[in-house]
Amino acid sequence: MCADVPYPIFNADAIYHFDLLQHLKRGQLIDNNTKLAISGRLALAPVVRISALDKAHPMAHLLARYPQIFSPSAPIGTRAAGVFHTLQTTGDPLAQKAKRLTPEKLRAVRQQFSI
């Protein structure tokens, strides 16, 4: 693959088509069929975005009406105060079990809460 750009481009379509694996920790690109690997280096590249909107598209008016939804720099809204989400569960936890506190920690807790 060749492109006249100042930084490498490798997209998911090529990775899928050529059955390649990316090992980011080792900085390798691995051929899944032959197990051959090539080392490279990871680097940051500027994000380039090319897009075009067909103004004749039936939904184009929605994009024009709500540009903040589709803008990558749109700030995320904050939640209204007083809104809480809860999950009702029954039974014991599946992953964690209660543990006894060490005597020092138990004394500190009792002192803090005056038990």
Protein backbone atom coordinates (compact mmCIF):
# COMPACT_ATOMS: atom_id res chain seq x y z
CA MET A 1 0.00 0.00 0.00
CA CYS A 2 1.30 3.44 -0.87
CA ALA A 3 -0.01 6.87 -0.05
CA ASP A 4 1.51 10.32 -0.46
CA VAL A 5 1.07 11.41 3.16
CA PRO A 6 3.62 12.40 5.81
CA TYR A 7 2.64 9.53 8.12
CA PRO A 8 1.68 5.87 7.66
CA ILE A 9 -1.92 4.87 7.23
CA PHE A 10 -3.11 1.35 7.95
CA ASN A 11 -6.82 0.76 8.18
CA ALA A 12 -9.04 -1.99 9.48
CA ASP A 13 -10.00 -3.12 5.97
CA ALA A 14 -6.38 -3.92 5.09
CA ILE A 15 -5.78 -5.63 8.44
CA TYR A 16 -8.87 -7.80 7.87
CA HIS A 17 -8.15 -8.52 4.19
CA PHE A 18 -4.53 -9.58 4.75
CA ASP A 19 -5.32 -11.38 8.07
CA LEU A 20 -2.82 -9.31 10.03
CA LEU A 21 -2.48 -8.92 13.78
CA GLN A 22 -1.26 -5.80 15.54
CA HIS A 23 0.77 -6.30 18.70
CA LEU A 24 0.84 -2.76 20.04
CA LYS A 25 2.91 -3.52 23.13
CA ARG A 26 5.71 -5.02 21.03
CA GLY A 27 5.19 -2.64 18.11
CA GLN A 28 4.77 -5.52 15.69
CA LEU A 29 2.61 -6.33 12.70
CA ILE A 30 2.15 -10.09 12.41
CA ASP A 31 0.96 -12.14 9.43
CA ASN A 32 -1.54 -14.54 10.98
CA ASN A 33 -1.00 -17.15 8.24
CA THR A 34 2.79 -17.35 8.17
CA LYS A 35 3.44 -15.96 11.67
CA LEU A 36 6.06 -13.65 10.18
CA ALA A 37 6.36 -10.38 12.09
CA ILE A 38 7.83 -7.01 11.36
CA SER A 39 8.76 -4.52 14.03
CA GLY A 40 7.91 -0.88 13.75
CA ARG A 41 7.31 2.04 16.01
CA LEU A 42 4.14 3.63 17.27
CA ALA A 43 3.79 7.33 16.68
CA LEU A 44 1.09 9.91 17.06
CA ALA A 45 -0.34 11.29 13.86
CA PRO A 46 -2.67 14.24 13.47
CA VAL A 47 -6.30 13.30 13.06
CA VAL A 48 -7.44 14.15 9.59
CA ARG A 49 -11.11 14.09 8.87
CA ILE A 50 -12.57 14.37 5.43
CA SER A 51 -16.30 14.42 5.14
CA ALA A 52 -18.91 15.73 2.82
CA LEU A 53 -22.58 16.25 3.41
CA ASP A 54 -24.99 16.04 0.56
CA LYS A 55 -27.29 18.97 1.24
CA ALA A 56 -29.95 17.32 -0.92
CA HIS A 57 -30.11 14.28 1.38
CA PRO A 58 -33.51 14.00 3.13
CA MET A 59 -31.88 14.03 6.58
CA ALA A 60 -29.48 16.92 5.92
CA HIS A 61 -31.82 19.35 7.67
CA LEU A 62 -31.38 17.38 10.92
CA LEU A 63 -27.62 17.74 10.75
CA ALA A 64 -27.98 21.45 10.17
CA ARG A 65 -30.46 21.76 13.04
CA TYR A 66 -28.32 19.93 15.63
CA PRO A 67 -24.65 20.50 14.72
CA GLN A 68 -23.48 20.02 18.32
CA ILE A 69 -24.42 16.33 18.18
CA PHE A 70 -22.13 15.57 15.27
CA SER A 71 -19.24 17.83 16.18
CA PRO A 72 -16.22 15.94 17.58
CA SER A 73 -15.37 18.90 19.78
CA ALA A 74 -18.84 19.17 21.29
CA PRO A 75 -18.67 19.18 25.09
CA ILE A 76 -20.46 16.41 26.90
CA GLY A 77 -23.47 17.70 28.78
CA THR A 78 -23.71 17.38 32.54
CA ARG A 79 -26.40 15.43 34.31
CA ALA A 80 -29.14 17.16 36.18
CA ALA A 81 -28.63 17.29 39.94
CA GLY A 82 -30.61 14.78 41.95
CA VAL A 83 -30.61 12.04 39.30
CA PHE A 84 -29.43 8.71 40.66
CA HIS A 85 -29.22 5.31 39.04
CA THR A 86 -29.44 2.19 41.16
CA LEU A 87 -29.17 -1.50 40.43
CA GLN A 88 -31.30 -3.75 42.58
CA THR A 89 -29.42 -6.94 43.41
CA THR A 90 -30.14 -9.96 45.54
CA GLY A 91 -27.80 -12.46 47.11
CA ASP A 92 -24.11 -12.33 47.83
CA PRO A 93 -21.60 -10.66 45.52
CA LEU A 94 -20.24 -13.00 42.85
CA ALA A 95 -16.70 -11.67 42.69
CA GLN A 96 -15.87 -10.17 46.09
CA LYS A 97 -16.29 -11.44 49.60
CA ALA A 98 -16.33 -9.51 52.85
CA LYS A 99 -12.99 -9.48 54.68
CA ARG A 100 -12.18 -8.76 58.29
CA LEU A 101 -10.34 -5.53 59.03
CA THR A 102 -6.94 -5.71 60.64
CA PRO A 103 -7.01 -4.72 64.33
CA GLU A 104 -5.36 -1.34 63.57
CA LYS A 105 -7.89 -0.51 60.87
CA LEU A 106 -10.79 -1.65 63.05
CA ARG A 107 -9.61 0.65 65.87
CA ALA A 108 -9.28 3.56 63.43
CA VAL A 109 -12.79 2.99 62.08
CA ARG A 110 -14.29 2.72 65.56
CA GLN A 111 -12.49 5.89 66.64
CA GLN A 112 -13.61 7.78 63.54
CA PHE A 113 -17.24 6.78 63.91
CA SER A 114 -17.23 6.67 67.74
CA ILE A 115 -18.61 3.16 67.92
